[in-house]
Amino acid sequence: MNDSIKISVIVPCYNQAFFLDDCINSLIDQTYQNWECILINDGSTDNTEEKSLEWQKNDSRIKYIKKTNGGLSSARNKGIENITGDFVQFLDCDDFLYKEKFEKSIQKISNLHNTVIITNFKRFDNATKTDLPPHCILDEKYFSQREILLKWDNTFSIPIHCAIFSKDIVEKYKFDEELRAKEDWVFWLQAYGENPKTHYINEPLLAYRMSSAGMTNNEFFMYENKAKAIVKFEQIISDKDLLREFFKENLLATMYENFQLMERIKLLGYKRTMKYKINKVLKVLHLKKK
């Protein structure tokens, strides 16, 4: 194994100091130790700064940067500006790695440029403190711009923490700061426009923490940002036939969703009628025939 390869870990932090120790301890426990951790305090109002400064004091590999709040993409980009490693691991403050993530990833590296190493993952139920299966099945056949464009969220999605990216990829593309969601999708599409050399380790080497309070559970918020992301695809996708295929599939999916919505609205309208209310009362009183 090449111990000279350095991994830069970028950890955005926003009011999640409660999880920070678990996150950083998962780095400390790595069997491969040539890494640096860049903690980006994105305008937190909790004790993130206090914890971060303590970690920085105790381990010279940990760097602390404070900035005004700008969102996840802004925090990650700030981290990218400060990396000194050959590869980059993105790691959200509430997630954590298993101890062989770096070692097994480094073993796959044969080139320091245009390279991605992807591992499998588990979900972690924060309420019960138990591991759960991943939300999708990852497969090497999905690691192309075509598959990422056409099947993202429908068949699979790749948590950004699954990968380590060669430095040249993240410095070229960074993250779209106009997006508050789906920024990972756009980043993956950009990265795979270059057809990077990809190695896949079909082993769960990180934990994605599940929380009911996460913004990914806000359906309107996610649709709004998906629409913003799609507007950008004409500049990202050079294969125009592929782009037309995507828009055709999404148009059909949207039409189907609208049809289902209309059916629900019709049902809701019926439920508001007096007839429905009377029938409901009769059923409760056992006067309506079944």
Protein backbone atom coordinates (compact mmCIF):
# COMPACT_ATOMS: atom_id res chain seq x y z
CA MET A 1 0.00 0.00 0.00
CA ASN A 2 1.22 3.49 -0.91
CA ASP A 3 1.38 5.39 2.40
CA SER A 4 2.43 8.58 0.60
CA ILE A 5 -1.10 9.20 -0.71
CA LYS A 6 -2.82 11.79 1.44
CA ILE A 7 -6.59 12.05 1.89
CA SER A 8 -8.19 15.41 2.65
CA VAL A 9 -11.44 15.01 4.58
CA ILE A 10 -13.86 17.94 4.31
CA VAL A 11 -16.41 18.11 7.15
CA PRO A 12 -19.03 20.90 6.95
CA CYS A 13 -20.52 21.70 10.35
CA TYR A 14 -23.75 23.56 11.00
CA ASN A 15 -25.28 23.25 14.46
CA GLN A 16 -24.46 19.55 14.74
CA ALA A 17 -21.77 19.66 17.42
CA PHE A 18 -23.52 16.77 19.16
CA PHE A 19 -22.34 14.43 16.35
CA LEU A 20 -18.86 15.88 15.84
CA ASP A 21 -17.01 13.56 18.22
CA ASP A 22 -18.40 10.43 16.51
CA CYS A 23 -17.46 11.83 13.13
CA ILE A 24 -13.87 12.73 14.02
CA ASN A 25 -13.29 9.59 16.08
CA SER A 26 -14.15 7.60 12.97
CA LEU A 27 -11.17 9.31 11.31
CA ILE A 28 -8.87 8.84 14.28
CA ASP A 29 -9.72 5.12 14.23
CA GLN A 30 -8.83 4.65 10.56
CA THR A 31 -6.28 1.93 9.88
CA TYR A 32 -4.77 4.29 7.25
CA GLN A 33 -3.47 7.40 8.96
CA ASN A 34 -2.19 9.73 6.22
CA TRP A 35 -5.12 12.14 6.20
CA GLU A 36 -6.05 15.67 7.12
CA CYS A 37 -9.47 16.83 8.31
CA ILE A 38 -10.76 20.28 7.44
CA LEU A 39 -13.62 21.30 9.72
CA ILE A 40 -15.75 24.05 8.20
CA ASN A 41 -17.94 25.85 10.71
CA ASP A 42 -20.70 27.25 8.48
CA GLY A 43 -21.99 29.88 10.91
CA SER A 44 -23.06 27.51 13.69
CA THR A 45 -24.70 28.96 16.80
CA ASP A 46 -24.09 25.91 19.03
CA ASN A 47 -20.75 24.81 20.53
CA THR A 48 -19.28 23.65 17.20
CA GLU A 49 -16.40 26.13 17.49
CA GLU A 50 -15.48 25.02 20.99
CA LYS A 51 -15.40 21.35 20.03
CA SER A 52 -13.56 22.00 16.77
CA LEU A 53 -10.84 24.07 18.42
CA GLU A 54 -10.33 21.34 21.01
CA TRP A 55 -9.91 18.72 18.27
CA GLN A 56 -7.52 20.99 16.36
CA LYS A 57 -5.45 21.44 19.53
CA ASN A 58 -5.24 17.67 20.13
CA ASP A 59 -4.41 16.52 16.58
CA SER A 60 -2.25 18.44 14.10
CA ARG A 61 -4.04 16.78 11.17
CA ILE A 62 -7.24 18.64 12.03
CA LYS A 63 -7.74 22.18 10.72
CA TYR A 64 -10.55 24.48 11.76
CA ILE A 65 -12.07 27.17 9.52
CA LYS A 66 -14.96 29.45 10.45
CA LYS A 67 -17.17 31.21 7.90
CA THR A 68 -20.51 32.96 7.71
CA ASN A 69 -23.44 30.68 6.93
CA GLY A 70 -23.72 29.92 3.24
CA GLY A 71 -25.07 26.40 3.05
CA LEU A 72 -23.61 22.95 2.52
CA SER A 73 -22.17 23.58 -0.95
CA SER A 74 -20.52 26.78 0.19
CA ALA A 75 -18.94 25.00 3.17
CA ARG A 76 -17.64 22.15 1.02
CA ASN A 77 -16.18 24.59 -1.50
CA LYS A 78 -14.41 26.43 1.30
CA GLY A 79 -12.91 23.12 2.33
CA ILE A 80 -11.78 22.38 -1.24
CA GLU A 81 -9.89 25.69 -1.29
CA ASN A 82 -7.82 24.48 1.67
CA ILE A 83 -6.95 20.88 0.80
CA THR A 84 -3.37 19.65 0.59
CA GLY A 85 -4.12 15.97 -0.11
CA ASP A 86 -4.16 13.86 -3.27
CA PHE A 87 -7.71 12.59 -2.77
CA VAL A 88 -10.78 14.12 -1.14
CA GLN A 89 -13.33 12.51 1.16
CA PHE A 90 -16.52 14.48 1.82
CA LEU A 91 -18.03 13.65 5.20
CA ASP A 92 -21.02 15.38 6.76
CA CYS A 93 -20.74 16.09 10.45
CA ASP A 94 -23.51 13.66 11.44
CA ASP A 95 -22.11 10.71 9.45
CA PHE A 96 -19.12 8.49 10.15
CA LEU A 97 -16.71 6.04 8.49
CA TYR A 98 -15.80 2.50 9.40
CA LYS A 99 -12.15 1.99 10.24
CA GLU A 100 -10.97 0.39 6.97
CA LYS A 101 -12.57 2.91 4.60
CA PHE A 102 -9.31 4.66 3.74
CA GLU A 103 -7.05 1.62 3.74
CA LYS A 104 -9.22 -0.39 1.37
CA SER A 105 -9.77 2.63 -0.88
CA ILE A 106 -6.06 3.46 -1.09
CA GLN A 107 -5.29 -0.13 -2.11
CA LYS A 108 -7.30 0.42 -5.30
CA ILE A 109 -5.49 3.55 -6.45
CA SER A 110 -3.18 3.25 -9.45
CA ASN A 111 -3.46 6.84 -10.72
CA LEU A 112 -3.69 10.16 -8.89
CA HIS A 113 -5.76 11.81 -11.62
CA ASN A 114 -9.38 11.47 -12.78
CA THR A 115 -9.99 8.62 -10.36
CA VAL A 116 -12.91 7.74 -8.08
CA ILE A 117 -13.04 4.96 -5.49
CA ILE A 118 -16.59 4.13 -4.34
CA THR A 119 -17.52 1.89 -1.42
CA ASN A 120 -20.89 0.61 -0.30
CA PHE A 121 -22.64 2.00 2.77
CA LYS A 122 -25.10 1.39 5.58
CA ARG A 123 -27.74 3.63 7.06
CA PHE A 124 -27.66 4.37 10.76
CA ASP A 125 -30.94 4.89 12.62
CA ASN A 126 -30.19 7.68 15.04
CA ALA A 127 -33.28 6.96 17.14
CA THR A 128 -32.54 3.27 17.77
CA LYS A 129 -28.74 3.44 17.32
CA THR A 130 -28.83 0.48 14.93
CA ASP A 131 -27.51 -0.20 11.44
CA LEU A 132 -29.98 -0.48 8.58
CA PRO A 133 -29.54 -1.75 5.00
CA PRO A 134 -28.75 0.88 2.36
CA HIS A 135 -31.66 2.63 0.64
CA CYS A 136 -30.55 1.23 -2.72
CA ILE A 137 -28.32 -1.41 -4.26
CA LEU A 138 -25.15 0.02 -5.76
CA ASP A 139 -23.59 -1.68 -8.77
CA GLU A 140 -20.62 -0.91 -11.01
CA LYS A 141 -22.94 -0.63 -14.01
CA TYR A 142 -24.40 2.56 -12.53
CA PHE A 143 -21.12 4.49 -12.45
CA SER A 144 -21.46 6.45 -15.68
CA GLN A 145 -22.91 9.82 -16.56
CA ARG A 146 -25.75 8.15 -18.48
CA GLU A 147 -26.89 6.00 -15.57
CA ILE A 148 -26.46 8.81 -13.04
CA LEU A 149 -28.60 11.09 -15.20
CA LEU A 150 -31.40 8.67 -16.06
CA LYS A 151 -31.69 6.55 -12.92
CA TRP A 152 -30.79 8.87 -10.04
CA ASP A 153 -33.40 8.61 -7.25
CA ASN A 154 -35.46 6.14 -9.31
CA THR A 155 -33.08 3.18 -9.14
CA PHE A 156 -30.17 4.41 -7.05
CA SER A 157 -28.34 7.39 -5.63
CA ILE A 158 -24.81 7.46 -4.28
CA PRO A 159 -24.18 9.22 -0.97
CA ILE A 160 -21.23 11.54 -1.62
CA HIS A 161 -19.48 10.05 1.43
CA CYS A 162 -19.13 6.69 -0.37
CA ALA A 163 -16.38 8.06 -2.58
CA ILE A 164 -12.94 9.48 -2.46
CA PHE A 165 -12.22 11.68 -5.50
CA SER A 166 -8.87 12.60 -6.95
CA LYS A 167 -8.00 16.20 -6.21
CA ASP A 168 -8.26 17.34 -9.85
CA ILE A 169 -11.95 16.38 -10.03
CA VAL A 170 -13.10 18.33 -6.98
CA GLU A 171 -10.96 21.37 -7.81
CA LYS A 172 -12.39 21.52 -11.32
CA TYR A 173 -16.08 21.22 -10.47
CA LYS A 174 -16.74 22.04 -6.80
CA PHE A 175 -20.41 22.31 -5.72
CA ASP A 176 -23.18 24.54 -7.06
CA GLU A 177 -23.92 27.05 -4.30
CA GLU A 178 -27.29 28.01 -5.81
CA LEU A 179 -28.61 24.57 -4.87
CA ARG A 180 -29.73 23.66 -1.34
CA ALA A 181 -30.42 20.06 -2.39
CA LYS A 182 -29.52 17.84 -5.37
CA GLU A 183 -26.06 19.46 -5.38
CA ASP A 184 -24.54 15.98 -5.07
CA TRP A 185 -26.40 14.81 -8.18
CA VAL A 186 -25.02 17.72 -10.19
CA PHE A 187 -21.50 17.07 -8.86
CA TRP A 188 -21.64 13.37 -9.79
CA LEU A 189 -22.86 14.26 -13.29
CA GLN A 190 -20.01 16.71 -13.78
CA ALA A 191 -17.40 14.28 -12.46
CA TYR A 192 -18.60 11.48 -14.74
CA GLY A 193 -18.61 13.72 -17.79
CA GLU A 194 -14.86 13.04 -17.73
CA ASN A 195 -15.31 9.23 -17.57
CA PRO A 196 -13.09 8.82 -14.51
CA LYS A 197 -11.38 5.56 -13.70
CA THR A 198 -13.69 4.03 -11.10
CA HIS A 199 -13.01 1.30 -8.56
CA TYR A 200 -15.89 -0.14 -6.58
CA ILE A 201 -15.60 -1.84 -3.19
CA ASN A 202 -18.81 -3.71 -2.50
CA GLU A 203 -18.47 -3.48 1.25
CA PRO A 204 -20.25 -1.05 3.62
CA LEU A 205 -17.48 1.21 4.87
CA LEU A 206 -19.46 4.22 6.02
CA ALA A 207 -22.66 5.01 7.89
CA TYR A 208 -25.25 7.48 6.62
CA ARG A 209 -27.17 8.74 9.64
CA MET A 210 -30.96 8.78 9.28
CA SER A 211 -32.90 11.59 10.94
CA SER A 212 -36.58 12.45 10.57
CA ALA A 213 -35.70 16.13 10.93
CA GLY A 214 -33.51 16.22 7.82
CA MET A 215 -34.35 18.61 5.01
CA THR A 216 -34.33 15.67 2.58
CA ASN A 217 -37.74 14.77 4.05
CA ASN A 218 -39.27 18.04 2.81
CA GLU A 219 -40.84 16.91 -0.47
CA PHE A 220 -41.55 20.39 -1.87
CA PHE A 221 -38.02 21.53 -1.00
CA MET A 222 -36.53 18.57 -2.88
CA TYR A 223 -38.72 19.06 -5.98
CA GLU A 224 -37.89 22.76 -6.05
CA ASN A 225 -34.16 22.09 -6.03
CA LYS A 226 -34.46 19.25 -8.54
CA ALA A 227 -36.06 21.74 -10.95
CA LYS A 228 -33.19 24.17 -10.37
CA ALA A 229 -30.67 21.40 -10.99
CA ILE A 230 -32.32 20.26 -14.24
CA VAL A 231 -32.07 23.79 -15.68
CA LYS A 232 -28.29 23.45 -15.44
CA PHE A 233 -28.06 20.17 -17.34
CA GLU A 234 -27.74 21.74 -20.76
CA GLN A 235 -24.35 23.10 -19.70
CA ILE A 236 -23.32 19.86 -17.96
CA ILE A 237 -24.39 17.14 -20.43
CA SER A 238 -22.54 17.35 -23.75
CA ASP A 239 -24.38 14.32 -25.23
CA LYS A 240 -27.54 15.99 -26.53
CA ASP A 241 -29.22 12.68 -27.45
CA LEU A 242 -28.81 11.61 -23.83
CA LEU A 243 -30.21 14.93 -22.67
CA ARG A 244 -33.27 14.55 -24.92
CA GLU A 245 -33.83 11.04 -23.54
CA PHE A 246 -33.72 12.41 -20.02
CA PHE A 247 -36.22 15.18 -20.72
CA LYS A 248 -38.56 12.75 -22.50
CA GLU A 249 -38.53 10.34 -19.56
CA ASN A 250 -39.03 13.14 -17.07
CA LEU A 251 -41.91 14.61 -19.07
CA LEU A 252 -43.70 11.24 -19.04
CA ALA A 253 -43.02 10.81 -15.32
CA THR A 254 -44.32 14.31 -14.60
CA MET A 255 -47.49 13.69 -16.63
CA TYR A 256 -48.12 10.50 -14.66
CA GLU A 257 -47.54 12.28 -11.35
CA ASN A 258 -49.97 15.02 -12.42
CA PHE A 259 -52.59 12.41 -13.31
CA GLN A 260 -52.24 10.82 -9.87
CA LEU A 261 -52.50 14.25 -8.25
CA MET A 262 -55.70 14.99 -10.18
CA GLU A 263 -57.18 11.70 -8.99
CA ARG A 264 -56.36 12.58 -5.38
CA ILE A 265 -57.91 16.03 -5.82
CA LYS A 266 -61.10 14.49 -7.22
CA LEU A 267 -61.26 12.10 -4.27
CA LEU A 268 -60.68 14.97 -1.87
CA GLY A 269 -63.51 16.92 -3.53
CA TYR A 270 -65.86 13.98 -3.08
CA LYS A 271 -64.90 13.59 0.56
CA ARG A 272 -65.99 17.14 1.16
CA THR A 273 -69.49 16.58 -0.19
CA MET A 274 -72.51 16.18 2.08
CA LYS A 275 -73.17 12.73 0.64
CA TYR A 276 -69.80 11.52 1.87
CA LYS A 277 -70.37 13.01 5.30
CA ILE A 278 -73.83 11.42 5.61
CA ASN A 279 -72.54 8.03 4.52
CA LYS A 280 -69.74 8.25 7.03
CA VAL A 281 -72.19 8.96 9.86
CA LEU A 282 -74.47 6.11 8.76
CA LYS A 283 -71.52 3.74 8.68
CA VAL A 284 -70.54 4.70 12.22
CA LEU A 285 -74.14 4.12 13.33
CA HIS A 286 -74.18 0.80 11.43
CA LEU A 287 -77.17 1.96 9.40
CA LYS A 288 -75.51 1.85 6.00
CA LYS A 289 -75.50 -1.42 4.14
CA LYS A 290 -72.06 -2.78 3.35
